[in-house]
Protein backbone atom coordinates (compact mmCIF):
# COMPACT_ATOMS: atom_id res chain seq x y z
CA UNK A 1 -10.30 8.03 -2.06
CA UNK A 2 -12.25 10.58 -4.03
CA UNK A 3 -10.15 12.91 -6.17
CA UNK A 4 -10.84 16.43 -5.07
CA UNK A 5 -8.94 19.62 -5.76
CA UNK A 6 -6.78 19.47 -2.62
CA UNK A 7 -5.64 15.91 -3.43
CA UNK A 8 -4.75 16.87 -7.00
CA UNK A 9 -2.87 19.99 -5.83
CA UNK A 10 -1.02 17.89 -3.24
CA UNK A 11 -0.12 15.32 -5.91
CA UNK A 12 1.24 17.99 -8.27
CA UNK A 13 3.19 19.73 -5.50
CA UNK A 14 4.74 16.44 -4.38
CA UNK A 15 5.79 15.62 -7.95
CA UNK A 16 7.32 19.06 -8.53
CA UNK A 17 9.10 19.31 -5.16
CA UNK A 18 10.56 15.80 -5.51
CA UNK A 19 11.65 16.52 -9.08
CA UNK A 20 13.39 19.74 -8.10
CA UNK A 21 15.09 18.00 -5.18
CA UNK A 22 16.30 15.14 -7.43
CA UNK A 23 17.76 17.61 -9.94
CA UNK A 24 19.69 19.58 -7.28
CA UNK A 25 23.38 19.35 -8.19
CA UNK A 26 24.88 19.12 -4.69
CA UNK A 27 22.75 16.40 -3.10
CA UNK A 28 24.38 13.02 -2.39
CA UNK A 29 24.18 10.82 -5.50
CA UNK A 30 21.28 8.39 -5.13
CA UNK A 31 19.65 10.25 -2.23
CA UNK A 32 16.33 11.09 -3.85
CA UNK A 33 12.65 10.57 -2.97
CA UNK A 34 11.47 8.70 -6.07
CA UNK A 35 11.84 5.15 -4.70
CA UNK A 36 9.87 6.10 -1.60
CA UNK A 37 7.31 7.83 -3.81
CA UNK A 38 6.85 4.60 -5.79
CA UNK A 39 6.28 2.59 -2.60
CA UNK A 40 3.99 5.28 -1.18
CA UNK A 41 1.99 5.56 -4.40
CA UNK A 42 1.50 1.80 -4.60
CA UNK A 43 0.47 1.53 -0.95
CA UNK A 44 -1.76 4.59 -0.59
CA UNK A 45 -3.13 5.72 -3.93
CA UNK A 46 -6.04 3.48 -4.92
CA UNK A 47 -6.16 4.76 -8.50
CA UNK A 48 -3.46 2.56 -10.07
CA UNK A 49 -2.72 5.01 -12.88
CA UNK A 50 -2.02 7.78 -10.36
CA UNK A 51 0.02 5.40 -8.21
CA UNK A 52 2.33 4.70 -11.15
CA UNK A 53 2.27 8.33 -12.27
CA UNK A 54 3.54 9.72 -8.94
CA UNK A 55 7.18 8.59 -9.19
CA UNK A 56 7.28 8.47 -13.00
CA UNK A 57 6.08 12.06 -13.48
CA UNK A 58 8.50 13.20 -10.81
CA UNK A 59 11.34 11.45 -12.62
CA UNK A 60 10.29 12.88 -15.97
CA UNK A 61 10.16 16.44 -14.61
CA UNK A 62 13.53 16.03 -12.89
CA UNK A 63 15.04 14.53 -16.06
CA UNK A 64 13.80 17.59 -17.95
CA UNK A 65 15.43 19.82 -15.31
CA UNK A 66 18.64 17.79 -15.49
CA UNK A 67 18.65 18.18 -19.25
CA UNK A 68 18.13 21.94 -19.08
CA UNK A 69 21.01 22.24 -16.61
CA UNK A 70 23.14 20.00 -18.85
CA UNK A 71 22.39 22.02 -21.98
CA UNK A 72 23.32 25.23 -20.16
CA UNK A 73 26.62 23.83 -18.88
CA UNK A 74 25.45 23.79 -15.27
CA UNK A 75 25.58 19.99 -14.87
CA UNK A 76 27.64 17.12 -16.22
CA UNK A 77 24.62 14.81 -15.97
CA UNK A 78 22.39 14.69 -19.06
CA UNK A 79 18.67 14.47 -18.44
CA UNK A 80 18.11 11.95 -21.21
CA UNK A 81 20.30 8.90 -21.73
CA UNK A 82 20.27 5.44 -23.24
CA UNK A 83 18.59 2.94 -20.97
CA UNK A 84 16.25 5.55 -19.56
CA UNK A 85 13.11 3.66 -20.54
CA UNK A 86 14.41 0.64 -18.63
CA UNK A 87 14.92 2.85 -15.59
CA UNK A 88 11.32 4.05 -15.79
CA UNK A 89 10.09 0.45 -16.07
CA UNK A 90 12.08 -0.46 -12.95
CA UNK A 91 10.45 2.41 -11.06
CA UNK A 92 7.03 1.17 -12.17
CA UNK A 93 8.01 -2.21 -10.71
CA UNK A 94 8.84 -0.50 -7.41
CA UNK A 95 5.30 0.89 -7.32
CA UNK A 96 4.05 -2.70 -7.43
CA UNK A 97 5.98 -3.35 -4.20
CA UNK A 98 3.72 -0.77 -2.55
CA UNK A 99 0.64 -2.72 -3.70
CA UNK A 100 1.67 -5.52 -1.35
CA UNK A 101 1.39 -3.30 1.72
CA UNK A 102 -2.19 -4.18 2.59
CA UNK A 103 -2.14 -2.58 6.03
CA UNK A 104 0.00 0.45 6.73
CA UNK A 105 2.15 -0.49 9.71
CA UNK A 106 5.59 0.80 10.63
CA UNK A 107 7.14 -2.66 10.16
CA UNK A 108 5.61 -3.19 6.70
CA UNK A 109 6.52 0.30 5.52
CA UNK A 110 10.07 -0.07 6.85
CA UNK A 111 10.42 -3.47 5.16
CA UNK A 112 9.18 -2.04 1.85
CA UNK A 113 11.56 0.92 2.22
CA UNK A 114 14.43 -1.59 2.34
CA UNK A 115 13.09 -4.03 -0.27
CA UNK A 116 12.40 -1.43 -2.99
CA UNK A 117 15.92 0.06 -3.24
CA UNK A 118 17.40 -3.44 -2.96
CA UNK A 119 15.29 -4.68 -5.88
CA UNK A 120 16.23 -1.58 -7.86
CA UNK A 121 19.94 -2.01 -7.02
CA UNK A 122 20.00 -5.68 -8.02
CA UNK A 123 18.01 -5.30 -11.25
CA UNK A 124 19.44 -2.01 -12.48
CA UNK A 125 23.05 -3.01 -11.92
CA UNK A 126 22.48 -6.42 -13.48
CA UNK A 127 21.14 -4.60 -16.55
CA UNK A 128 24.12 -2.21 -16.55
CA UNK A 129 26.47 -5.20 -16.43
CA UNK A 130 24.67 -7.31 -19.06
CA UNK A 131 24.40 -4.35 -21.46
CA UNK A 132 28.05 -3.32 -21.09
CA UNK A 133 27.43 -0.03 -19.31
CA UNK A 134 29.18 1.56 -16.37
CA UNK A 135 32.80 0.46 -16.15
CA UNK A 136 32.16 -2.33 -18.70
CA UNK A 137 32.89 -5.25 -16.41
CA UNK A 138 33.57 -8.70 -17.94
CA UNK A 139 30.59 -10.98 -18.52
CA UNK A 140 31.56 -13.32 -15.72
CA UNK A 141 30.22 -13.81 -12.20
CA UNK A 142 33.24 -11.86 -10.94
CA UNK A 143 32.41 -9.05 -13.38
CA UNK A 144 28.83 -8.92 -12.10
CA UNK A 145 30.08 -8.73 -8.52
CA UNK A 146 32.43 -5.90 -9.53
CA UNK A 147 29.49 -4.08 -11.10
CA UNK A 148 27.52 -4.42 -7.87
CA UNK A 149 30.54 -3.25 -5.90
CA UNK A 150 30.87 -0.20 -8.17
CA UNK A 151 27.32 0.80 -7.26
CA UNK A 152 27.52 0.32 -3.47
CA UNK A 153 27.78 4.06 -2.68
CA UNK A 154 24.63 4.68 -4.74
CA UNK A 155 22.89 1.77 -3.01
CA UNK A 156 23.73 3.04 0.49
CA UNK A 157 22.37 6.48 -0.38
CA UNK A 158 19.22 5.08 -1.99
CA UNK A 159 18.58 2.89 1.08
CA UNK A 160 18.95 5.89 3.39
CA UNK A 161 16.78 8.05 1.13
CA UNK A 162 14.10 5.39 0.85
CA UNK A 163 13.84 4.97 4.62
CA UNK A 164 13.92 8.74 5.20
CA UNK A 165 11.42 9.70 2.50
CA UNK A 166 9.09 6.79 3.33
CA UNK A 167 9.03 8.10 6.90
CA UNK A 168 8.25 11.59 5.62
CA UNK A 169 5.59 10.52 3.10
CA UNK A 170 3.82 7.88 5.18
CA UNK A 171 4.21 9.94 8.37
CA UNK A 172 2.77 13.00 6.64
CA UNK A 173 -0.07 10.90 5.22
CA UNK A 174 -0.82 9.53 8.71
CA UNK A 175 -0.93 13.01 10.20
CA UNK A 176 -3.13 14.41 7.44
CA UNK A 177 -5.48 11.42 7.46
CA UNK A 178 -5.84 11.16 11.23
CA UNK A 179 -5.85 14.81 12.21
CA UNK A 180 -6.56 17.22 9.36
CA UNK A 181 -9.13 15.18 7.39
CA UNK A 182 -10.71 13.93 10.63
CA UNK A 183 -11.06 17.51 11.96
CA UNK A 184 -12.64 18.64 8.68
CA UNK A 185 -15.08 15.71 8.75
CA UNK A 186 -16.06 16.48 12.36
CA UNK A 187 -16.52 20.17 11.59
CA UNK A 188 -18.86 19.42 8.68
């Protein structure tokens, strides 16, 4: 895929819109497009740097927005926090999941939209538990299970968001690729 102006503008718009959505104060906690963006970027964007940049830039912009809202007393959620680098690394890992989608089919995309938030849920909550975050559960198997249980509402929302936003992103890509780009190529 050659990088032309319309692709770059689309990339920037997607990053900004997703970042603004993620920083909205009244959305369900965990219902955000960044996991789907990671899968989409890994599956569709051939330039690996841009594939990783898609969700990470969106998260960075939304974290900046969160922080501005926090500093102005409009949010209780700070934009910058300890463990944030680990969170960004986990999102980079989710982009790698998209690399494994060799052919874009509904079944493969749906599977990836379930696998990515599950991987994130398991790894991020394990790291919260092992580092003594969250509700500071005991370092036992039971404590780990409690930590996972604490995060179930977030997991349900991230699963729903991943499926929804993967449908939007991959569906939009399909429409653009098969109708808009094809019409432009035929007109030329």
